[in-house]
Protein backbone atom coordinates (compact mmCIF):
# COMPACT_ATOMS: atom_id res chain seq x y z
CA UNK A 1 -32.66 38.99 9.71
CA UNK A 2 -30.78 40.59 12.58
CA UNK A 3 -32.80 42.56 15.13
CA UNK A 4 -29.98 45.11 15.28
CA UNK A 5 -31.03 48.01 13.01
CA UNK A 6 -27.43 49.13 12.69
CA UNK A 7 -26.44 45.71 11.42
CA UNK A 8 -29.23 45.77 8.85
CA UNK A 9 -28.22 49.23 7.71
CA UNK A 10 -24.57 48.27 7.50
CA UNK A 11 -25.28 45.18 5.43
CA UNK A 12 -26.39 46.92 2.28
CA UNK A 13 -27.10 43.62 0.58
CA UNK A 14 -29.47 42.39 3.29
CA UNK A 15 -32.69 43.14 1.35
CA UNK A 16 -31.63 40.68 -1.33
CA UNK A 17 -31.33 37.74 1.04
CA UNK A 18 -34.11 35.63 2.51
CA UNK A 19 -32.25 34.27 5.52
CA UNK A 20 -29.73 35.74 7.94
CA UNK A 21 -26.05 34.86 7.95
CA UNK A 22 -25.32 31.98 10.29
CA UNK A 23 -23.34 32.63 13.46
CA UNK A 24 -20.58 30.35 12.22
CA UNK A 25 -20.27 32.27 8.96
CA UNK A 26 -20.26 35.56 10.85
CA UNK A 27 -17.33 34.42 12.95
CA UNK A 28 -15.55 32.89 9.97
CA UNK A 29 -15.83 35.97 7.73
CA UNK A 30 -15.49 38.75 10.31
CA UNK A 31 -12.22 40.66 10.51
CA UNK A 32 -13.01 43.28 13.13
CA UNK A 33 -11.03 41.50 15.82
CA UNK A 34 -7.80 42.22 13.94
CA UNK A 35 -8.51 45.01 11.43
CA UNK A 36 -9.75 47.43 14.09
CA UNK A 37 -6.14 48.65 14.30
CA UNK A 38 -6.86 50.43 11.01
CA UNK A 39 -9.37 52.76 12.67
CA UNK A 40 -7.26 55.92 12.54
CA UNK A 41 -6.54 55.38 8.85
CA UNK A 42 -10.22 54.63 8.20
CA UNK A 43 -11.36 57.86 9.85
CA UNK A 44 -8.66 59.92 8.13
CA UNK A 45 -9.60 58.48 4.74
CA UNK A 46 -13.31 59.03 5.37
CA UNK A 47 -12.80 62.67 6.39
CA UNK A 48 -10.70 63.40 3.31
CA UNK A 49 -13.34 61.70 1.13
CA UNK A 50 -16.16 63.69 2.79
CA UNK A 51 -14.34 66.99 2.37
CA UNK A 52 -13.80 66.25 -1.30
CA UNK A 53 -17.48 65.27 -1.78
CA UNK A 54 -18.52 68.58 -0.23
CA UNK A 55 -16.08 70.56 -2.38
CA UNK A 56 -17.47 68.81 -5.46
CA UNK A 57 -21.06 69.54 -4.44
CA UNK A 58 -21.93 65.86 -4.00
CA UNK A 59 -22.89 66.37 -0.33
CA UNK A 60 -23.85 69.54 1.48
CA UNK A 61 -21.96 71.60 4.03
CA UNK A 62 -24.27 70.44 6.83
CA UNK A 63 -23.55 66.82 5.97
CA UNK A 64 -19.80 67.51 6.10
CA UNK A 65 -20.13 69.25 9.45
CA UNK A 66 -22.09 66.31 10.81
CA UNK A 67 -19.55 63.81 9.53
CA UNK A 68 -16.71 65.77 11.13
CA UNK A 69 -18.57 66.01 14.43
CA UNK A 70 -19.45 62.32 14.43
CA UNK A 71 -15.91 61.23 13.57
CA UNK A 72 -14.54 63.38 16.38
CA UNK A 73 -16.81 61.62 18.85
CA UNK A 74 -15.95 58.19 17.45
CA UNK A 75 -12.25 59.00 17.79
CA UNK A 76 -12.76 59.93 21.43
CA UNK A 77 -14.77 56.77 22.08
CA UNK A 78 -12.15 54.49 20.55
CA UNK A 79 -9.26 56.22 22.32
CA UNK A 80 -11.05 55.97 25.66
CA UNK A 81 -12.03 52.32 25.13
CA UNK A 82 -15.77 53.05 25.14
CA UNK A 83 -16.39 52.18 21.50
CA UNK A 84 -18.41 48.97 21.10
CA UNK A 85 -16.93 46.82 18.35
CA UNK A 86 -19.60 44.48 16.96
CA UNK A 87 -18.85 41.15 15.31
CA UNK A 88 -22.01 41.27 13.21
CA UNK A 89 -20.72 44.45 11.55
CA UNK A 90 -17.82 42.39 10.19
CA UNK A 91 -14.99 44.89 10.00
CA UNK A 92 -13.59 48.21 11.13
CA UNK A 93 -15.22 50.06 8.23
CA UNK A 94 -18.81 49.04 8.86
CA UNK A 95 -18.42 49.40 12.63
CA UNK A 96 -17.33 53.02 12.24
CA UNK A 97 -19.91 53.79 9.55
CA UNK A 98 -22.74 52.30 11.60
CA UNK A 99 -21.74 54.30 14.66
CA UNK A 100 -21.45 57.46 12.55
CA UNK A 101 -24.95 56.92 11.17
CA UNK A 102 -26.29 56.41 14.67
CA UNK A 103 -24.71 59.70 15.74
CA UNK A 104 -25.46 61.98 12.76
CA UNK A 105 -28.20 60.22 10.79
CA UNK A 106 -28.41 60.62 7.02
CA UNK A 107 -25.10 62.45 6.81
CA UNK A 108 -23.42 59.23 7.90
CA UNK A 109 -25.25 57.32 5.17
CA UNK A 110 -24.06 59.80 2.52
CA UNK A 111 -20.38 59.32 3.43
CA UNK A 112 -20.14 56.16 1.34
CA UNK A 113 -21.13 57.98 -1.84
CA UNK A 114 -18.63 57.30 -4.62
CA UNK A 115 -16.62 54.66 -2.80
CA UNK A 116 -16.70 50.95 -2.00
CA UNK A 117 -15.21 48.93 0.81
CA UNK A 118 -12.87 47.61 -1.88
CA UNK A 119 -11.08 50.92 -2.44
CA UNK A 120 -11.68 51.95 1.17
CA UNK A 121 -9.79 49.02 2.68
CA UNK A 122 -6.97 49.33 0.16
CA UNK A 123 -6.61 52.98 1.16
CA UNK A 124 -6.73 52.23 4.87
CA UNK A 125 -4.05 49.55 4.67
CA UNK A 126 -1.75 51.80 2.65
CA UNK A 127 -2.23 54.70 5.08
CA UNK A 128 -1.58 52.47 8.08
CA UNK A 129 1.44 50.80 6.50
CA UNK A 130 2.95 54.14 5.51
CA UNK A 131 2.93 55.21 9.16
CA UNK A 132 4.48 51.91 10.23
CA UNK A 133 7.18 52.27 7.57
CA UNK A 134 8.13 55.67 8.96
CA UNK A 135 8.31 54.21 12.47
CA UNK A 136 10.39 51.23 11.31
CA UNK A 137 12.82 53.57 9.56
CA UNK A 138 13.57 55.12 12.96
CA UNK A 139 14.13 51.70 14.53
CA UNK A 140 16.44 50.69 11.67
CA UNK A 141 18.46 53.84 12.27
CA UNK A 142 18.69 53.03 16.00
CA UNK A 143 19.86 49.51 15.19
CA UNK A 144 22.63 50.93 13.04
CA UNK A 145 23.61 53.51 15.67
CA UNK A 146 23.90 50.82 18.33
CA UNK A 147 26.25 48.82 16.11
CA UNK A 148 28.30 51.87 15.13
CA UNK A 149 28.76 53.03 18.71
CA UNK A 150 29.68 49.53 19.87
CA UNK A 151 32.19 49.37 17.01
CA UNK A 152 33.68 52.75 17.92
CA UNK A 153 35.51 51.25 20.90
CA UNK A 154 36.93 48.27 19.03
CA UNK A 155 38.74 49.42 15.90
CA UNK A 156 41.89 47.69 17.22
CA UNK A 157 40.25 44.75 18.98
CA UNK A 158 41.50 41.75 17.00
CA UNK A 159 39.28 38.76 16.36
CA UNK A 160 39.40 35.91 13.86
CA UNK A 161 37.55 36.40 10.62
CA UNK A 162 35.96 33.19 9.44
CA UNK A 163 35.15 31.45 6.20
CA UNK A 164 33.42 28.06 6.40
CA UNK A 165 33.50 28.69 10.20
CA UNK A 166 37.27 28.16 10.03
CA UNK A 167 39.72 30.83 11.16
CA UNK A 168 40.69 32.69 8.00
CA UNK A 169 42.30 36.12 8.60
CA UNK A 170 42.47 38.63 11.45
CA UNK A 171 39.85 41.36 11.45
CA UNK A 172 38.79 43.88 14.05
CA UNK A 173 35.60 43.43 16.05
CA UNK A 174 34.58 46.88 14.85
CA UNK A 175 35.00 45.84 11.23
CA UNK A 176 32.83 42.79 11.87
CA UNK A 177 30.05 44.86 13.43
CA UNK A 178 30.16 47.38 10.59
CA UNK A 179 29.33 44.60 8.15
CA UNK A 180 25.91 44.44 9.83
CA UNK A 181 25.59 48.22 9.63
CA UNK A 182 25.94 47.87 5.86
CA UNK A 183 23.21 45.22 5.80
CA UNK A 184 20.77 47.30 7.82
CA UNK A 185 21.63 50.38 5.74
CA UNK A 186 20.56 48.46 2.62
CA UNK A 187 17.37 47.48 4.43
CA UNK A 188 16.71 51.15 5.14
CA UNK A 189 17.22 51.96 1.45
CA UNK A 190 14.76 49.24 0.45
CA UNK A 191 12.23 50.54 2.96
CA UNK A 192 12.50 54.11 1.69
CA UNK A 193 12.14 52.96 -1.90
CA UNK A 194 9.09 50.77 -1.34
CA UNK A 195 7.40 53.57 0.63
CA UNK A 196 6.91 55.44 -2.66
CA UNK A 197 4.89 52.55 -4.08
CA UNK A 198 2.87 52.16 -0.89
CA UNK A 199 2.07 55.87 -0.95
CA UNK A 200 -0.45 55.87 -3.81
CA UNK A 201 -4.19 56.43 -3.41
CA UNK A 202 -6.70 53.74 -4.48
CA UNK A 203 -9.75 55.67 -3.21
CA UNK A 204 -12.03 56.67 -6.08
CA UNK A 205 -11.72 53.33 -7.84
CA UNK A 206 -14.92 52.32 -6.01
CA UNK A 207 -15.82 48.65 -6.34
CA UNK A 208 -13.72 48.06 -9.47
CA UNK A 209 -14.76 50.35 -12.34
CA UNK A 210 -14.51 53.85 -10.92
CA UNK A 211 -17.63 55.92 -10.25
CA UNK A 212 -20.06 58.22 -12.01
CA UNK A 213 -19.73 60.89 -9.31
CA UNK A 214 -17.41 63.83 -10.10
CA UNK A 215 -14.67 62.87 -7.64
CA UNK A 216 -11.43 64.83 -7.31
CA UNK A 217 -9.04 62.01 -6.50
CA UNK A 218 -5.96 64.25 -6.62
CA UNK A 219 -7.48 66.43 -3.89
CA UNK A 220 -7.98 63.41 -1.64
CA UNK A 221 -4.45 62.21 -2.37
CA UNK A 222 -3.00 65.59 -1.41
CA UNK A 223 -5.11 65.77 1.75
CA UNK A 224 -3.85 62.36 2.89
CA UNK A 225 -0.23 62.94 1.90
CA UNK A 226 -0.19 60.44 -0.96
CA UNK A 227 2.34 61.05 -3.72
CA UNK A 228 -0.08 60.04 -6.47
CA UNK A 229 -3.19 58.05 -7.33
CA UNK A 230 -3.55 54.50 -8.61
CA UNK A 231 -4.21 54.93 -12.33
CA UNK A 232 -6.29 51.85 -13.11
CA UNK A 233 -9.43 51.17 -11.09
CA UNK A 234 -9.21 47.39 -11.53
CA UNK A 235 -5.64 47.30 -10.31
CA UNK A 236 -6.31 49.83 -7.55
CA UNK A 237 -8.70 47.58 -5.63
CA UNK A 238 -6.89 44.28 -6.23
CA UNK A 239 -3.23 45.32 -5.94
CA UNK A 240 -1.40 43.94 -2.93
CA UNK A 241 2.09 44.27 -4.40
CA UNK A 242 2.85 46.90 -1.78
CA UNK A 243 2.17 44.36 0.98
CA UNK A 244 4.25 41.70 -0.76
CA UNK A 245 7.11 44.12 -1.26
CA UNK A 246 7.02 45.24 2.35
CA UNK A 247 6.98 41.62 3.49
CA UNK A 248 9.96 40.85 1.26
CA UNK A 249 11.85 43.77 2.79
CA UNK A 250 10.93 42.58 6.28
CA UNK A 251 12.03 39.01 5.53
CA UNK A 252 15.42 40.18 4.27
CA UNK A 253 15.83 42.45 7.28
CA UNK A 254 14.96 39.62 9.66
CA UNK A 255 17.49 37.38 7.92
CA UNK A 256 20.11 40.01 8.76
CA UNK A 257 18.85 40.08 12.34
CA UNK A 258 19.03 36.29 12.45
CA UNK A 259 22.62 36.20 11.24
CA UNK A 260 23.66 38.71 13.89
CA UNK A 261 21.70 36.82 16.55
CA UNK A 262 23.40 33.57 15.56
CA UNK A 263 26.82 35.15 15.97
CA UNK A 264 25.88 36.60 19.34
CA UNK A 265 24.81 33.12 20.48
CA UNK A 266 28.14 31.68 19.29
CA UNK A 267 30.25 34.48 20.73
CA UNK A 268 28.60 34.13 24.14
CA UNK A 269 29.10 30.37 24.32
CA UNK A 270 31.90 28.99 26.47
CA UNK A 271 33.60 27.60 23.36
CA UNK A 272 34.10 31.15 22.10
CA UNK A 273 33.82 33.38 25.16
CA UNK A 274 34.11 36.51 23.01
CA UNK A 275 31.34 38.55 24.64
CA UNK A 276 28.95 38.74 27.53
CA UNK A 277 25.35 39.98 27.50
CA UNK A 278 23.60 41.84 30.27
CA UNK A 279 21.52 39.61 32.53
CA UNK A 280 18.30 41.29 31.40
CA UNK A 281 18.73 39.71 27.95
CA UNK A 282 19.37 36.21 29.28
CA UNK A 283 17.47 33.54 31.18
CA UNK A 284 18.46 30.72 33.45
CA UNK A 285 17.68 27.04 33.50
CA UNK A 286 15.00 25.33 35.59
CA UNK A 287 17.43 22.51 36.38
CA UNK A 288 20.99 23.74 35.71
CA UNK A 289 21.86 26.62 38.04
CA UNK A 290 25.02 27.60 36.15
CA UNK A 291 23.25 28.44 32.89
CA UNK A 292 22.93 31.91 31.33
CA UNK A 293 21.04 31.39 28.10
CA UNK A 294 20.96 34.04 25.34
CA UNK A 295 17.22 33.61 24.88
CA UNK A 296 16.59 37.04 23.33
CA UNK A 297 19.10 36.39 20.55
CA UNK A 298 17.78 32.88 20.04
CA UNK A 299 14.19 34.08 19.84
CA UNK A 300 15.12 36.85 17.39
CA UNK A 301 16.76 34.17 15.27
CA UNK A 302 13.61 32.06 15.51
CA UNK A 303 11.24 34.90 14.68
CA UNK A 304 12.94 35.33 11.32
CA UNK A 305 11.18 32.12 10.25
CA UNK A 306 7.85 33.61 11.27
CA UNK A 307 8.36 36.69 9.07
CA UNK A 308 9.65 34.67 6.11
CA UNK A 309 6.57 32.46 6.50
CA UNK A 310 4.28 35.49 6.31
CA UNK A 311 5.92 36.48 3.01
CA UNK A 312 5.24 33.01 1.62
CA UNK A 313 1.64 33.19 2.85
CA UNK A 314 1.01 36.52 1.13
CA UNK A 315 2.60 35.43 -2.14
CA UNK A 316 0.51 32.26 -2.11
CA UNK A 317 -2.60 34.28 -1.24
CA UNK A 318 -2.24 36.43 -4.37
CA UNK A 319 -0.98 33.96 -6.95
CA UNK A 320 -4.32 32.49 -8.06
CA UNK A 321 -6.62 35.49 -7.83
CA UNK A 322 -8.33 36.85 -10.93
CA UNK A 323 -9.11 40.56 -11.10
CA UNK A 324 -10.43 42.28 -9.14
CA UNK A 325 -11.21 42.17 -5.42
CA UNK A 326 -11.80 38.75 -3.85
CA UNK A 327 -12.59 37.85 -0.25
CA UNK A 328 -9.23 36.06 -0.12
CA UNK A 329 -7.68 39.50 0.37
CA UNK A 330 -9.08 39.68 3.88
CA UNK A 331 -6.28 37.23 4.69
CA UNK A 332 -3.59 39.79 3.83
CA UNK A 333 -3.95 41.70 7.09
CA UNK A 334 -2.97 39.30 9.85
CA UNK A 335 0.35 38.30 8.22
CA UNK A 336 1.09 41.94 7.41
CA UNK A 337 0.18 43.17 10.90
CA UNK A 338 2.25 40.46 12.59
CA UNK A 339 5.20 41.14 10.29
CA UNK A 340 5.21 44.79 11.31
CA UNK A 341 4.86 43.99 15.01
CA UNK A 342 7.55 41.30 14.96
CA UNK A 343 10.07 43.37 13.03
CA UNK A 344 9.54 46.47 15.15
CA UNK A 345 9.85 44.63 18.46
CA UNK A 346 12.89 42.67 17.28
CA UNK A 347 14.77 45.74 16.06
CA UNK A 348 14.08 47.55 19.34
CA UNK A 349 15.31 44.77 21.59
CA UNK A 350 18.30 43.88 19.39
CA UNK A 351 19.48 47.50 19.35
CA UNK A 352 19.29 47.65 23.14
CA UNK A 353 21.09 44.32 23.52
CA UNK A 354 23.91 45.22 21.11
CA UNK A 355 24.50 48.46 22.97
CA UNK A 356 25.15 46.52 26.18
CA UNK A 357 27.57 43.90 24.83
CA UNK A 358 30.71 43.46 26.95
CA UNK A 359 33.68 42.40 24.82
CA UNK A 360 36.38 39.98 25.99
CA UNK A 361 39.21 41.20 23.76
CA UNK A 362 41.79 38.73 25.10
CA UNK A 363 39.60 35.77 24.18
CA UNK A 364 39.11 37.14 20.68
CA UNK A 365 42.85 37.62 20.21
CA UNK A 366 43.69 34.13 21.49
CA UNK A 367 41.19 32.67 19.03
CA UNK A 368 42.77 34.60 16.17
CA UNK A 369 46.16 33.11 17.06
CA UNK A 370 44.87 29.54 16.93
CA UNK A 371 44.11 29.24 13.25
CA UNK A 372 47.20 30.52 11.39
CA UNK A 373 45.26 33.63 10.52
CA UNK A 374 48.36 35.41 9.18
CA UNK A 375 49.17 32.74 6.58
CA UNK A 376 47.86 34.97 3.78
CA UNK A 377 50.06 37.80 5.07
CA UNK A 378 53.10 35.54 4.68
CA UNK A 379 52.05 34.73 1.12
CA UNK A 380 51.60 38.46 0.36
CA UNK A 381 55.05 39.08 1.87
CA UNK A 382 56.62 36.60 -0.56
CA UNK A 383 54.75 38.11 -3.51
CA UNK A 384 56.25 41.50 -2.61
CA UNK A 385 59.63 39.77 -2.68
CA UNK A 386 58.99 38.79 -6.30
CA UNK A 387 57.31 35.37 -6.15
CA UNK A 388 54.21 34.62 -8.23
CA UNK A 389 51.23 34.34 -5.86
CA UNK A 390 50.61 30.65 -6.62
CA UNK A 391 54.21 29.78 -5.72
CA UNK A 392 53.98 31.88 -2.56
CA UNK A 393 50.71 30.12 -1.66
CA UNK A 394 52.41 26.72 -2.02
CA UNK A 395 55.41 27.73 0.09
CA UNK A 396 53.20 29.02 2.90
CA UNK A 397 51.11 25.84 2.84
CA UNK A 398 54.29 23.89 3.60
CA UNK A 399 55.12 26.31 6.40
CA UNK A 400 51.66 25.88 7.95
CA UNK A 401 52.02 22.10 7.74
CA UNK A 402 55.29 22.23 9.69
CA UNK A 403 53.81 24.65 12.25
CA UNK A 404 50.86 22.29 12.75
CA UNK A 405 53.22 19.36 13.29
CA UNK A 406 55.20 21.33 15.87
CA UNK A 407 52.10 22.82 17.54
CA UNK A 408 53.26 26.41 17.12
CA UNK A 409 52.13 29.54 15.31
CA UNK A 410 53.85 30.71 12.13
CA UNK A 411 55.38 33.61 14.07
CA UNK A 412 56.95 31.10 16.47
CA UNK A 413 58.90 29.22 13.77
CA UNK A 414 62.61 30.10 13.77
CA UNK A 415 63.86 32.28 10.95
CA UNK A 416 66.03 29.47 9.63
CA UNK A 417 63.00 27.19 9.39
CA UNK A 418 61.02 29.86 7.54
CA UNK A 419 63.89 30.48 5.15
CA UNK A 420 63.80 26.79 4.33
CA UNK A 421 60.49 27.42 2.62
CA UNK A 422 62.00 30.27 0.59
CA UNK A 423 65.33 32.06 0.88
CA UNK A 424 63.72 35.48 0.27
CA UNK A 425 62.29 35.44 3.80
CA UNK A 426 64.19 37.85 6.07
CA UNK A 427 64.06 39.23 9.62
CA UNK A 428 61.29 41.64 8.61
CA UNK A 429 58.87 38.73 8.22
CA UNK A 430 58.00 38.68 11.92
CA UNK A 431 56.38 42.14 11.76
CA UNK A 432 54.18 40.77 8.99
CA UNK A 433 53.14 37.74 11.02
CA UNK A 434 51.66 39.66 13.96
CA UNK A 435 47.90 40.05 14.21
CA UNK A 436 48.05 43.84 14.33
CA UNK A 437 50.52 43.92 11.49
CA UNK A 438 47.98 41.97 9.47
CA UNK A 439 45.23 44.45 10.38
CA UNK A 440 47.34 47.50 9.55
CA UNK A 441 48.41 46.04 6.20
CA UNK A 442 44.83 46.09 4.90
CA UNK A 443 44.63 49.85 4.65
CA UNK A 444 42.37 49.98 1.60
CA UNK A 445 38.84 51.30 1.27
CA UNK A 446 36.59 48.75 2.94
CA UNK A 447 39.50 47.02 4.65
CA UNK A 448 39.96 46.11 8.30
CA UNK A 449 42.87 48.47 9.05
CA UNK A 450 42.00 50.62 12.09
CA UNK A 451 42.36 53.83 10.07
CA UNK A 452 39.86 52.56 7.50
CA UNK A 453 37.47 51.29 10.16
CA UNK A 454 37.52 54.63 12.00
CA UNK A 455 36.79 56.42 8.73
CA UNK A 456 33.81 54.12 8.14
CA UNK A 457 32.52 54.77 11.66
CA UNK A 458 32.59 58.52 11.04
CA UNK A 459 30.91 58.06 7.66
CA UNK A 460 28.08 56.10 9.26
CA UNK A 461 27.74 58.59 12.11
CA UNK A 462 27.41 61.44 9.63
CA UNK A 463 24.92 59.51 7.49
CA UNK A 464 22.75 58.56 10.44
CA UNK A 465 22.86 62.09 11.88
CA UNK A 466 21.55 63.44 8.58
CA UNK A 467 18.77 60.83 8.30
């Protein structure tokens, strides 16, 4: 057995065993190196539990006072870096409990009355994740604001809209950016919705079956800001749906980040030349002195795979577990912690980078002119002259074929040539075939017309200001 009396006290099962845990097993099963980040949640949960035990007459007022005093000192020690985290005490919970017992004696031993590490860890993770969710909501809002404010200057900056990576129709750069605002707004909605399911209290379920002590779980829930309590003790200690759901949200959000990052990489390339990024978001080459590589965008794109992988790991972790708590669940924390860290850091740096984008409007407009982006406008023009859309589509296809053969844009074809495709075409067709004419024509809710785009910008500004 260990010579450390705190270790022996912390390992409540030690009297049953005839040999000590091997050093290899200690290292293999310990989680304190990564779960120590839960310490604030662990202390908060313990204090709320102790206050409830005292109110219920399970522990005395002196015990409560001792627990409060000891936890205050432990908080100061951890914040100052003086707290000694011990591998043999396995995790954050036993490290704090052992130190509390060393400081206040029997009062520290009484703290664990009516609870188990099973419901304790589930509570700690939910408390910690709730705080991270609130922080991520702020970063999601900043990501949206950066996009909205970048869009505000480009409601009339024309760029090609693509399908199949082929030039399709003219859109504004602002309209393109606002598509990502919509994506991140949905992410924010998902985050707010899943927060309600995270914010439920497992404490009081004990190991798996509840407890014989007269606990007031609703009191603890209210003290910790939970919206309710987990209603089934078996589910309370084994449920990790909240972690899976958060990871699914994070994976979807990172997919949105990755799509934006991919476009930034394309737009910055010499083949596009649509934008430039500030030097602080780029790197050079060790061998090619002319290079400015968009490494931040590329790495954000790459980190999406990391977060999606964590979701798969957590789903796989849970799929074969019988009720209730199993040691497998120790493996939920590192993927969850890294998901939070990766998403937070990525949103921060992407918001800063988007805010500093320099737009090359001329390059965007030249690109929009290269792909017969107003062909659909010509078809719509003929429909308004009375042609069925399918006939108009066919006529315009012939016009594009001739323009391709001559190496000119549709707007550069003579009127007589255009009338050869249909006699209804008149002088007014050339206003339709301009890029800005195409933008202005799409003045419907959700369209790319500057008036509609400006209205969307103001809607998003108002929404984000009220958040």
